[in-house]
Amino acid sequence: MAGSTKKAPTGSKPQADAGPLTSRIGKQPVTLPKGVTATISSSDVHVKGPKGALSRKLPERTKIAQQGDLLNVTSDAPGRAAPRLQGLARALLANMVTGVSVGYEKRLELHGTGYRAELKGKTLFCSLGFSKQIEYPVPDGIDVDIPKDTKGTLVILRGADKEVVGQTAATIRAFRPPEPYGGKGVRYKGERVREKAGKAGK
């Protein structure tokens, strides 16, 4: 009939609030290995272990609660921002725990005639085919190892901070990225360089 309205079924109840959204990864707790401790303040987290100590400011509207050797991350941000911030905070926290307990490592290979690296004090000298050696001050928190049997063609970077280790490796690689003709340059160990055939003379 015209003008009729549908009524809600008898006994129906309004849907309950499902609560804030959570991240599938972010809601998983981070376990503190033996020998690793965490200190949490309102906006910062400090993690200490056998490989060093790291501190970081927490992403906005996130919190970390500790229960024994478990760290749980939550976020009270509105809408879909909550799982994004929760997942980010959890990933950063997990990287810190791994860094101070196990550490991170990057290996760089120098390909080319006469290409080699040498460490003097806290400065890395790289001979990469230029008229002068490149002098690179090694950042704090990074240990550099150049095995003697590699004759300076392998550089191993180690540290507790994943971001610093990765950025240091990227900076050294950028001194002379591997070229597509012959593959000379600095590359990550195991990196596949797509080489071009070049021009064939007739």
C-alpha atoms as a PDB file:
ATOM      1  CA  MET A   1       0.000   0.000   0.000  1.00  0.00           C
ATOM      2  CA  ALA A   2       1.082   3.563  -0.725  1.00  0.00           C
ATOM      3  CA  GLY A   3       2.601   5.321   2.207  1.00  0.00           C
ATOM      4  CA  SER A   4       3.292   2.087   4.103  1.00  0.00           C
ATOM      5  CA  THR A   5       6.578   1.833   5.978  1.00  0.00           C
ATOM      6  CA  LYS A   6       8.548  -1.238   6.902  1.00  0.00           C
ATOM      7  CA  LYS A   7       8.969  -1.935  10.590  1.00  0.00           C
ATOM      8  CA  ALA A   8      11.984  -3.494  12.175  1.00  0.00           C
ATOM      9  CA  PRO A   9      11.503  -7.157  13.092  1.00  0.00           C
ATOM     10  CA  THR A  10      10.234  -7.706  16.589  1.00  0.00           C
ATOM     11  CA  GLY A  11      13.010  -8.359  19.069  1.00  0.00           C
ATOM     12  CA  SER A  12      15.766  -6.856  16.875  1.00  0.00           C
ATOM     13  CA  LYS A  13      18.553  -5.033  18.691  1.00  0.00           C
ATOM     14  CA  PRO A  14      20.825  -2.275  17.442  1.00  0.00           C
ATOM     15  CA  GLN A  15      24.207  -3.551  16.335  1.00  0.00           C
ATOM     16  CA  ALA A  16      26.888  -3.241  18.987  1.00  0.00           C
ATOM     17  CA  ASP A  17      29.982  -1.184  18.353  1.00  0.00           C
ATOM     18  CA  ALA A  18      32.650  -3.501  16.947  1.00  0.00           C
ATOM     19  CA  GLY A  19      35.375  -1.387  18.557  1.00  0.00           C
ATOM     20  CA  PRO A  20      38.457   0.110  16.902  1.00  0.00           C
ATOM     21  CA  LEU A  21      39.888  -1.554  13.827  1.00  0.00           C
ATOM     22  CA  THR A  22      43.033  -3.608  14.328  1.00  0.00           C
ATOM     23  CA  SER A  23      45.867  -4.735  12.090  1.00  0.00           C
ATOM     24  CA  ARG A  24      46.308  -8.453  11.456  1.00  0.00           C
ATOM     25  CA  ILE A  25      50.072  -8.069  11.936  1.00  0.00           C
ATOM     26  CA  GLY A  26      49.962  -5.194  14.400  1.00  0.00           C
ATOM     27  CA  LYS A  27      47.926  -7.073  16.999  1.00  0.00           C
ATOM     28  CA  GLN A  28      50.511  -9.862  17.224  1.00  0.00           C
ATOM     29  CA  PRO A  29      52.738  -9.370  20.300  1.00  0.00           C
ATOM     30  CA  VAL A  30      56.489  -8.838  20.013  1.00  0.00           C
ATOM     31  CA  THR A  31      58.488 -11.279  22.162  1.00  0.00           C
ATOM     32  CA  LEU A  32      61.560 -10.049  23.994  1.00  0.00           C
ATOM     33  CA  PRO A  33      64.392 -12.611  23.656  1.00  0.00           C
ATOM     34  CA  LYS A  34      66.572 -13.487  26.621  1.00  0.00           C
ATOM     35  CA  GLY A  35      68.934 -10.635  27.441  1.00  0.00           C
ATOM     36  CA  VAL A  36      66.744  -7.934  25.856  1.00  0.00           C
ATOM     37  CA  THR A  37      64.926  -5.348  27.957  1.00  0.00           C
ATOM     38  CA  ALA A  38      62.428  -2.659  27.024  1.00  0.00           C
ATOM     39  CA  THR A  39      61.613   0.612  28.770  1.00  0.00           C
ATOM     40  CA  ILE A  40      58.396   2.310  27.700  1.00  0.00           C
ATOM     41  CA  SER A  41      57.328   5.880  28.396  1.00  0.00           C
ATOM     42  CA  SER A  42      54.287   7.793  27.225  1.00  0.00           C
ATOM     43  CA  SER A  43      55.767   8.572  23.804  1.00  0.00           C
ATOM     44  CA  ASP A  44      59.083   6.692  23.560  1.00  0.00           C
ATOM     45  CA  VAL A  45      60.395   3.148  23.700  1.00  0.00           C
ATOM     46  CA  HIS A  46      63.952   2.145  24.621  1.00  0.00           C
ATOM     47  CA  VAL A  47      65.244  -1.348  23.821  1.00  0.00           C
ATOM     48  CA  LYS A  48      68.574  -2.713  25.025  1.00  0.00           C
ATOM     49  CA  GLY A  49      70.307  -5.992  24.184  1.00  0.00           C
ATOM     50  CA  PRO A  50      73.670  -7.641  23.517  1.00  0.00           C
ATOM     51  CA  LYS A  51      74.065  -5.841  20.153  1.00  0.00           C
ATOM     52  CA  GLY A  52      73.389  -2.366  21.503  1.00  0.00           C
ATOM     53  CA  ALA A  53      70.618  -0.018  22.559  1.00  0.00           C
ATOM     54  CA  LEU A  54      68.004   1.762  20.442  1.00  0.00           C
ATOM     55  CA  SER A  55      65.422   4.444  21.176  1.00  0.00           C
ATOM     56  CA  ARG A  56      62.514   5.635  19.080  1.00  0.00           C
ATOM     57  CA  LYS A  57      59.557   7.949  19.386  1.00  0.00           C
ATOM     58  CA  LEU A  58      56.280   6.069  18.986  1.00  0.00           C
ATOM     59  CA  PRO A  59      53.963   6.912  16.080  1.00  0.00           C
ATOM     60  CA  GLU A  60      51.138   9.200  17.129  1.00  0.00           C
ATOM     61  CA  ARG A  61      48.120   7.669  18.885  1.00  0.00           C
ATOM     62  CA  THR A  62      49.851   4.346  19.532  1.00  0.00           C
ATOM     63  CA  LYS A  63      50.675   2.687  22.838  1.00  0.00           C
ATOM     64  CA  ILE A  64      52.831  -0.238  23.925  1.00  0.00           C
ATOM     65  CA  ALA A  65      51.923  -2.373  26.920  1.00  0.00           C
ATOM     66  CA  GLN A  66      54.326  -4.916  28.391  1.00  0.00           C
ATOM     67  CA  GLN A  67      53.215  -8.205  29.918  1.00  0.00           C
ATOM     68  CA  GLY A  68      56.219 -10.218  30.990  1.00  0.00           C
ATOM     69  CA  ASP A  69      58.361 -10.731  27.880  1.00  0.00           C
ATOM     70  CA  LEU A  70      55.536  -9.741  25.504  1.00  0.00           C
ATOM     71  CA  LEU A  71      54.977  -6.265  24.042  1.00  0.00           C
ATOM     72  CA  ASN A  72      51.492  -5.458  22.724  1.00  0.00           C
ATOM     73  CA  VAL A  73      50.813  -2.516  20.434  1.00  0.00           C
ATOM     74  CA  THR A  74      47.460  -0.707  20.257  1.00  0.00           C
ATOM     75  CA  SER A  75      46.148   2.418  18.566  1.00  0.00           C
ATOM     76  CA  ASP A  76      43.160   4.616  19.385  1.00  0.00           C
ATOM     77  CA  ALA A  77      43.251   6.535  16.092  1.00  0.00           C
ATOM     78  CA  PRO A  78      39.872   6.948  14.354  1.00  0.00           C
ATOM     79  CA  GLY A  79      38.768   4.774  11.437  1.00  0.00           C
ATOM     80  CA  ARG A  80      41.258   3.046   9.201  1.00  0.00           C
ATOM     81  CA  ALA A  81      44.168   5.052  10.584  1.00  0.00           C
ATOM     82  CA  ALA A  82      44.188   2.785  13.645  1.00  0.00           C
ATOM     83  CA  PRO A  83      45.345  -0.452  11.947  1.00  0.00           C
ATOM     84  CA  ARG A  84      47.877   1.444   9.807  1.00  0.00           C
ATOM     85  CA  LEU A  85      49.491   3.102  12.822  1.00  0.00           C
ATOM     86  CA  GLN A  86      49.294  -0.087  14.870  1.00  0.00           C
ATOM     87  CA  GLY A  87      51.004  -2.092  12.122  1.00  0.00           C
ATOM     88  CA  LEU A  88      53.676   0.585  11.668  1.00  0.00           C
ATOM     89  CA  ALA A  89      54.459   0.770  15.381  1.00  0.00           C
ATOM     90  CA  ARG A  90      54.599  -3.011  15.665  1.00  0.00           C
ATOM     91  CA  ALA A  91      56.975  -3.308  12.670  1.00  0.00           C
ATOM     92  CA  LEU A  92      59.308  -0.627  14.053  1.00  0.00           C
ATOM     93  CA  LEU A  93      59.299  -2.265  17.468  1.00  0.00           C
ATOM     94  CA  ALA A  94      60.031  -5.716  16.032  1.00  0.00           C
ATOM     95  CA  ASN A  95      62.942  -4.300  14.014  1.00  0.00           C
ATOM     96  CA  MET A  96      64.387  -2.730  17.160  1.00  0.00           C
ATOM     97  CA  VAL A  97      64.156  -5.981  19.129  1.00  0.00           C
ATOM     98  CA  THR A  98      65.773  -7.945  16.294  1.00  0.00           C
ATOM     99  CA  GLY A  99      68.498  -5.326  15.938  1.00  0.00           C
ATOM    100  CA  VAL A 100      69.617  -5.339  19.579  1.00  0.00           C
ATOM    101  CA  SER A 101      69.402  -9.132  19.873  1.00  0.00           C
ATOM    102  CA  VAL A 102      70.678 -10.427  16.502  1.00  0.00           C
ATOM    103  CA  GLY A 103      71.699  -7.362  14.498  1.00  0.00           C
ATOM    104  CA  TYR A 104      71.469  -6.583  10.791  1.00  0.00           C
ATOM    105  CA  GLU A 105      73.987  -7.127   8.028  1.00  0.00           C
ATOM    106  CA  LYS A 106      74.512  -5.947   4.454  1.00  0.00           C
ATOM    107  CA  ARG A 107      77.202  -7.203   2.080  1.00  0.00           C
ATOM    108  CA  LEU A 108      78.551  -5.221  -0.846  1.00  0.00           C
ATOM    109  CA  GLU A 109      80.677  -6.567  -3.694  1.00  0.00           C
ATOM    110  CA  LEU A 110      83.053  -4.421  -5.752  1.00  0.00           C
ATOM    111  CA  HIS A 111      83.299  -5.574  -9.366  1.00  0.00           C
ATOM    112  CA  GLY A 112      85.915  -4.075 -11.655  1.00  0.00           C
ATOM    113  CA  THR A 113      89.642  -4.046 -12.303  1.00  0.00           C
ATOM    114  CA  GLY A 114      91.370  -2.342  -9.392  1.00  0.00           C
ATOM    115  CA  TYR A 115      88.108  -1.830  -7.512  1.00  0.00           C
ATOM    116  CA  ARG A 116      88.668  -2.327  -3.798  1.00  0.00           C
ATOM    117  CA  ALA A 117      87.874  -0.886  -0.378  1.00  0.00           C
ATOM    118  CA  GLU A 118      90.057  -0.256   2.651  1.00  0.00           C
ATOM    119  CA  LEU A 119      89.121   0.739   6.188  1.00  0.00           C
ATOM    120  CA  LYS A 120      91.354   3.161   8.093  1.00  0.00           C
ATOM    121  CA  GLY A 121      90.020   3.989  11.523  1.00  0.00           C
ATOM    122  CA  LYS A 122      86.399   5.074  10.999  1.00  0.00           C
ATOM    123  CA  THR A 123      86.867   6.063   7.355  1.00  0.00           C
ATOM    124  CA  LEU A 124      86.209   3.785   4.383  1.00  0.00           C
ATOM    125  CA  PHE A 125      88.396   4.421   1.318  1.00  0.00           C
ATOM    126  CA  CYS A 126      86.942   3.137  -1.963  1.00  0.00           C
ATOM    127  CA  SER A 127      88.876   2.844  -5.215  1.00  0.00           C
ATOM    128  CA  LEU A 128      86.214   2.722  -7.913  1.00  0.00           C
ATOM    129  CA  GLY A 129      87.947   3.752 -11.120  1.00  0.00           C
ATOM    130  CA  PHE A 130      87.948   7.480 -10.444  1.00  0.00           C
ATOM    131  CA  SER A 131      91.052   9.692 -10.336  1.00  0.00           C
ATOM    132  CA  LYS A 132      90.807   9.872  -6.540  1.00  0.00           C
ATOM    133  CA  GLN A 133      89.686   7.520  -3.820  1.00  0.00           C
ATOM    134  CA  ILE A 134      86.295   8.141  -2.264  1.00  0.00           C
ATOM    135  CA  GLU A 135      86.521   8.786   1.474  1.00  0.00           C
ATOM    136  CA  TYR A 136      83.398   7.838   3.417  1.00  0.00           C
ATOM    137  CA  PRO A 137      83.121   8.461   7.196  1.00  0.00           C
ATOM    138  CA  VAL A 138      81.410   5.389   8.640  1.00  0.00           C
ATOM    139  CA  PRO A 139      78.312   6.381  10.671  1.00  0.00           C
ATOM    140  CA  ASP A 140      78.187   5.677  14.389  1.00  0.00           C
ATOM    141  CA  GLY A 141      76.735   2.280  15.240  1.00  0.00           C
ATOM    142  CA  ILE A 142      78.062   0.639  12.061  1.00  0.00           C
ATOM    143  CA  ASP A 143      80.826  -1.958  12.088  1.00  0.00           C
ATOM    144  CA  VAL A 144      82.710  -2.526   8.830  1.00  0.00           C
ATOM    145  CA  ASP A 145      84.491  -5.770   8.025  1.00  0.00           C
ATOM    146  CA  ILE A 146      86.601  -6.376   4.921  1.00  0.00           C
ATOM    147  CA  PRO A 147      87.795 -10.011   4.891  1.00  0.00           C
ATOM    148  CA  LYS A 148      91.463 -10.259   3.954  1.00  0.00           C
ATOM    149  CA  ASP A 149      90.934 -13.146   1.549  1.00  0.00           C
ATOM    150  CA  THR A 150      88.636 -10.966  -0.602  1.00  0.00           C
ATOM    151  CA  LYS A 151      91.414  -8.401  -1.273  1.00  0.00           C
ATOM    152  CA  GLY A 152      89.065  -5.518  -0.562  1.00  0.00           C
ATOM    153  CA  THR A 153      86.304  -6.569  -2.961  1.00  0.00           C
ATOM    154  CA  LEU A 154      83.788  -7.462  -0.223  1.00  0.00           C
ATOM    155  CA  VAL A 155      82.503  -4.985   2.370  1.00  0.00           C
ATOM    156  CA  ILE A 156      80.369  -6.282   5.247  1.00  0.00           C
ATOM    157  CA  LEU A 157      78.279  -3.785   7.213  1.00  0.00           C
ATOM    158  CA  ARG A 158      76.775  -4.704  10.585  1.00  0.00           C
ATOM    159  CA  GLY A 159      74.683  -2.760  13.074  1.00  0.00           C
ATOM    160  CA  ALA A 160      71.660  -2.799  15.366  1.00  0.00           C
ATOM    161  CA  ASP A 161      69.640  -0.144  13.536  1.00  0.00           C
ATOM    162  CA  LYS A 162      68.081  -1.601  10.387  1.00  0.00           C
ATOM    163  CA  GLU A 163      67.525   1.801   8.809  1.00  0.00           C
ATOM    164  CA  VAL A 164      71.104   2.990   9.371  1.00  0.00           C
ATOM    165  CA  VAL A 165      72.576  -0.264   8.033  1.00  0.00           C
ATOM    166  CA  GLY A 166      70.388  -0.106   4.934  1.00  0.00           C
ATOM    167  CA  GLN A 167      71.080   3.590   4.289  1.00  0.00           C
ATOM    168  CA  THR A 168      74.832   3.112   4.729  1.00  0.00           C
ATOM    169  CA  ALA A 169      74.844   0.274   2.207  1.00  0.00           C
ATOM    170  CA  ALA A 170      72.749   2.315  -0.239  1.00  0.00           C
ATOM    171  CA  THR A 171      75.104   5.303   0.079  1.00  0.00           C
ATOM    172  CA  ILE A 172      78.202   3.206  -0.661  1.00  0.00           C
ATOM    173  CA  ARG A 173      76.471   1.490  -3.591  1.00  0.00           C
ATOM    174  CA  ALA A 174      75.543   4.906  -5.017  1.00  0.00           C
ATOM    175  CA  PHE A 175      79.241   5.842  -5.306  1.00  0.00           C
ATOM    176  CA  ARG A 176      79.351   3.641  -8.405  1.00  0.00           C
ATOM    177  CA  PRO A 177      76.177   1.662  -9.166  1.00  0.00           C
ATOM    178  CA  PRO A 178      76.680  -1.423 -11.353  1.00  0.00           C
ATOM    179  CA  GLU A 179      76.672  -0.432 -15.005  1.00  0.00           C
ATOM    180  CA  PRO A 180      74.647  -2.375 -17.593  1.00  0.00           C
ATOM    181  CA  TYR A 181      77.703  -2.933 -19.832  1.00  0.00           C
ATOM    182  CA  GLY A 182      80.057  -5.337 -18.093  1.00  0.00           C
ATOM    183  CA  GLY A 183      78.492  -4.989 -14.648  1.00  0.00           C
ATOM    184  CA  LYS A 184      81.343  -2.971 -13.117  1.00  0.00           C
ATOM    185  CA  GLY A 185      80.536  -1.124  -9.904  1.00  0.00           C
ATOM    186  CA  VAL A 186      79.252  -1.733  -6.386  1.00  0.00           C
ATOM    187  CA  ARG A 187      76.388  -4.150  -5.891  1.00  0.00           C
ATOM    188  CA  TYR A 188      74.667  -5.993  -3.079  1.00  0.00           C
ATOM    189  CA  LYS A 189      75.876  -9.550  -2.644  1.00  0.00           C
ATOM    190  CA  GLY A 190      73.525 -11.765  -4.621  1.00  0.00           C
ATOM    191  CA  GLU A 191      72.125  -8.834  -6.610  1.00  0.00           C
ATOM    192  CA  ARG A 192      71.381  -9.697 -10.222  1.00  0.00           C
ATOM    193  CA  VAL A 193      72.451  -6.977 -12.627  1.00  0.00           C
ATOM    194  CA  ARG A 194      70.677  -6.948 -15.945  1.00  0.00           C
ATOM    195  CA  GLU A 195      73.428  -6.449 -18.501  1.00  0.00           C
ATOM    196  CA  LYS A 196      73.037  -5.136 -22.039  1.00  0.00           C
ATOM    197  CA  ALA A 197      74.745  -6.654 -25.022  1.00  0.00           C
ATOM    198  CA  GLY A 198      76.230  -3.390 -26.230  1.00  0.00           C
ATOM    199  CA  LYS A 199      76.986  -2.418 -29.807  1.00  0.00           C
ATOM    200  CA  ALA A 200      78.643  -5.060 -31.931  1.00  0.00           C
ATOM    201  CA  GLY A 201      81.164  -3.752 -34.466  1.00  0.00           C
ATOM    202  CA  LYS A 202      80.847  -4.872 -38.057  1.00  0.00           C
END
